[in-house]
Amino acid sequence: MVDQAALDEINRRIQIVEDNLRELIEQAAAYSGAADEERATDRIADQQAKLDALLKEHEALVGKG
């Protein structure tokens, strides 16, 4: 059986990270300068890694059910 509370929490965290990614991508499009672009790229990569981990966690929970 799927732990609904845990699944809801993961879904909430996934939504937050996806929102962060959208915002960072929009910001990156507005940046000019190598330092700003590098910082934006690093932040996007960090958020993508968090999203990937959350999606794996989500899949593991759903797969248990």
N, C-alpha and C. Protein backbone atom coordinates (compact mmCIF):
# COMPACT_ATOMS: atom_id res chain seq x y z
N MET A 1 0.84 -1.18 0.00
CA MET A 1 0.00 0.00 0.00
C MET A 1 0.90 1.25 0.00
N VAL A 2 0.50 2.23 -0.75
CA VAL A 2 1.25 3.47 -0.86
C VAL A 2 0.98 4.34 0.37
N ASP A 3 2.05 4.89 0.92
CA ASP A 3 1.94 5.84 2.04
C ASP A 3 1.51 7.17 1.44
N GLN A 4 0.23 7.48 1.52
CA GLN A 4 -0.32 8.67 0.85
C GLN A 4 0.29 9.96 1.38
N ALA A 5 0.54 10.03 2.68
CA ALA A 5 1.14 11.24 3.25
C ALA A 5 2.53 11.47 2.68
N ALA A 6 3.31 10.41 2.58
CA ALA A 6 4.66 10.53 2.02
C ALA A 6 4.59 10.90 0.54
N LEU A 7 3.67 10.30 -0.18
CA LEU A 7 3.50 10.61 -1.59
C LEU A 7 3.07 12.06 -1.79
N ASP A 8 2.16 12.54 -0.97
CA ASP A 8 1.72 13.94 -1.05
C ASP A 8 2.89 14.89 -0.79
N GLU A 9 3.72 14.55 0.19
CA GLU A 9 4.88 15.39 0.51
C GLU A 9 5.87 15.41 -0.64
N ILE A 10 6.13 14.27 -1.23
CA ILE A 10 7.05 14.22 -2.38
C ILE A 10 6.47 15.02 -3.53
N ASN A 11 5.18 14.87 -3.79
CA ASN A 11 4.55 15.63 -4.88
C ASN A 11 4.66 17.13 -4.62
N ARG A 12 4.50 17.55 -3.37
CA ARG A 12 4.63 18.96 -3.02
C ARG A 12 6.05 19.44 -3.27
N ARG A 13 7.03 18.64 -2.87
CA ARG A 13 8.43 19.01 -3.06
C ARG A 13 8.80 19.03 -4.53
N ILE A 14 8.26 18.10 -5.31
CA ILE A 14 8.50 18.09 -6.76
C ILE A 14 7.97 19.39 -7.37
N GLN A 15 6.79 19.80 -6.98
CA GLN A 15 6.20 21.03 -7.51
C GLN A 15 7.06 22.25 -7.18
N ILE A 16 7.58 22.30 -5.96
CA ILE A 16 8.44 23.42 -5.56
C ILE A 16 9.70 23.46 -6.42
N VAL A 17 10.34 22.31 -6.60
CA VAL A 17 11.57 22.26 -7.38
C VAL A 17 11.29 22.60 -8.85
N GLU A 18 10.18 22.10 -9.39
CA GLU A 18 9.84 22.44 -10.77
C GLU A 18 9.60 23.94 -10.92
N ASP A 19 8.94 24.55 -9.94
CA ASP A 19 8.74 26.00 -9.97
C ASP A 19 10.08 26.73 -9.90
N ASN A 20 10.98 26.25 -9.02
CA ASN A 20 12.31 26.84 -8.92
C ASN A 20 13.05 26.76 -10.26
N LEU A 21 12.96 25.62 -10.90
CA LEU A 21 13.63 25.45 -12.19
C LEU A 21 13.08 26.42 -13.23
N ARG A 22 11.77 26.55 -13.30
CA ARG A 22 11.18 27.49 -14.26
C ARG A 22 11.67 28.91 -14.00
N GLU A 23 11.69 29.30 -12.74
CA GLU A 23 12.13 30.65 -12.38
C GLU A 23 13.61 30.85 -12.73
N LEU A 24 14.44 29.86 -12.42
CA LEU A 24 15.87 29.98 -12.72
C LEU A 24 16.12 30.06 -14.22
N ILE A 25 15.37 29.31 -14.99
CA ILE A 25 15.54 29.35 -16.44
C ILE A 25 15.14 30.71 -16.98
N GLU A 26 14.06 31.27 -16.46
CA GLU A 26 13.65 32.61 -16.87
C GLU A 26 14.71 33.64 -16.49
N GLN A 27 15.26 33.52 -15.30
CA GLN A 27 16.30 34.44 -14.86
C GLN A 27 17.55 34.30 -15.72
N ALA A 28 17.91 33.07 -16.04
CA ALA A 28 19.10 32.83 -16.85
C ALA A 28 18.97 33.48 -18.22
N ALA A 29 17.77 33.49 -18.76
CA ALA A 29 17.55 34.10 -20.06
C ALA A 29 17.78 35.61 -20.01
N ALA A 30 17.58 36.20 -18.84
CA ALA A 30 17.72 37.64 -18.70
C ALA A 30 19.15 38.06 -18.31
N TYR A 31 19.96 37.11 -17.85
CA TYR A 31 21.31 37.44 -17.40
C TYR A 31 22.22 37.80 -18.56
N SER A 32 23.17 38.66 -18.26
CA SER A 32 24.25 38.92 -19.20
C SER A 32 25.54 38.89 -18.41
N GLY A 33 26.55 38.33 -18.99
CA GLY A 33 27.83 38.22 -18.30
C GLY A 33 28.12 36.78 -17.95
N ALA A 34 29.36 36.39 -18.13
CA ALA A 34 29.76 35.01 -17.92
C ALA A 34 29.55 34.54 -16.49
N ALA A 35 29.88 35.37 -15.51
CA ALA A 35 29.74 34.97 -14.11
C ALA A 35 28.29 34.70 -13.75
N ASP A 36 27.39 35.57 -14.21
CA ASP A 36 25.96 35.36 -13.94
C ASP A 36 25.46 34.11 -14.62
N GLU A 37 25.87 33.88 -15.85
CA GLU A 37 25.43 32.69 -16.58
C GLU A 37 25.94 31.42 -15.91
N GLU A 38 27.19 31.43 -15.46
CA GLU A 38 27.74 30.26 -14.79
C GLU A 38 27.00 29.97 -13.49
N ARG A 39 26.71 31.02 -12.73
CA ARG A 39 25.98 30.86 -11.47
C ARG A 39 24.57 30.31 -11.75
N ALA A 40 23.92 30.83 -12.77
CA ALA A 40 22.58 30.35 -13.12
C ALA A 40 22.63 28.89 -13.55
N THR A 41 23.63 28.54 -14.34
CA THR A 41 23.78 27.15 -14.79
C THR A 41 23.98 26.22 -13.61
N ASP A 42 24.81 26.64 -12.65
CA ASP A 42 25.05 25.82 -11.45
C ASP A 42 23.76 25.65 -10.64
N ARG A 43 23.00 26.72 -10.49
CA ARG A 43 21.76 26.64 -9.72
C ARG A 43 20.73 25.75 -10.42
N ILE A 44 20.67 25.86 -11.74
CA ILE A 44 19.75 25.01 -12.50
C ILE A 44 20.15 23.55 -12.35
N ALA A 45 21.44 23.25 -12.47
CA ALA A 45 21.91 21.88 -12.33
C ALA A 45 21.59 21.33 -10.94
N ASP A 46 21.75 22.16 -9.92
CA ASP A 46 21.44 21.75 -8.55
C ASP A 46 19.96 21.41 -8.41
N GLN A 47 19.10 22.27 -8.93
CA GLN A 47 17.66 22.03 -8.84
C GLN A 47 17.26 20.80 -9.66
N GLN A 48 17.90 20.60 -10.81
CA GLN A 48 17.59 19.43 -11.63
C GLN A 48 17.98 18.15 -10.90
N ALA A 49 19.12 18.17 -10.20
CA ALA A 49 19.54 17.00 -9.43
C ALA A 49 18.54 16.71 -8.31
N LYS A 50 18.06 17.76 -7.65
CA LYS A 50 17.05 17.57 -6.60
C LYS A 50 15.76 16.99 -7.19
N LEU A 51 15.36 17.50 -8.35
CA LEU A 51 14.15 16.99 -9.00
C LEU A 51 14.33 15.53 -9.38
N ASP A 52 15.47 15.18 -9.95
CA ASP A 52 15.72 13.79 -10.32
C ASP A 52 15.63 12.86 -9.10
N ALA A 53 16.21 13.29 -7.97
CA ALA A 53 16.17 12.48 -6.76
C ALA A 53 14.73 12.33 -6.25
N LEU A 54 13.97 13.41 -6.28
CA LEU A 54 12.58 13.35 -5.83
C LEU A 54 11.73 12.46 -6.73
N LEU A 55 11.98 12.53 -8.03
CA LEU A 55 11.22 11.67 -8.95
C LEU A 55 11.54 10.20 -8.72
N LYS A 56 12.80 9.88 -8.41
CA LYS A 56 13.16 8.50 -8.09
C LYS A 56 12.46 8.05 -6.81
N GLU A 57 12.45 8.95 -5.82
CA GLU A 57 11.78 8.64 -4.56
C GLU A 57 10.28 8.42 -4.79
N HIS A 58 9.70 9.25 -5.62
CA HIS A 58 8.27 9.13 -5.97
C HIS A 58 8.02 7.78 -6.65
N GLU A 59 8.86 7.46 -7.60
CA GLU A 59 8.71 6.19 -8.32
C GLU A 59 8.83 4.99 -7.39
N ALA A 60 9.76 5.08 -6.44
CA ALA A 60 9.94 3.98 -5.48
C ALA A 60 8.71 3.82 -4.61
N LEU A 61 8.11 4.93 -4.19
CA LEU A 61 6.90 4.86 -3.36
C LEU A 61 5.73 4.31 -4.15
N VAL A 62 5.54 4.79 -5.34
CA VAL A 62 4.41 4.35 -6.15
C VAL A 62 4.61 2.88 -6.56
N GLY A 63 5.84 2.52 -6.83
CA GLY A 63 6.15 1.15 -7.23
C GLY A 63 5.91 0.13 -6.13
N LYS A 64 5.94 0.60 -4.88
CA LYS A 64 5.70 -0.28 -3.74
C LYS A 64 4.23 -0.71 -3.65
N GLY A 65 3.35 0.18 -4.14
CA GLY A 65 1.92 -0.02 -3.94
C GLY A 65 1.32 -1.06 -4.73
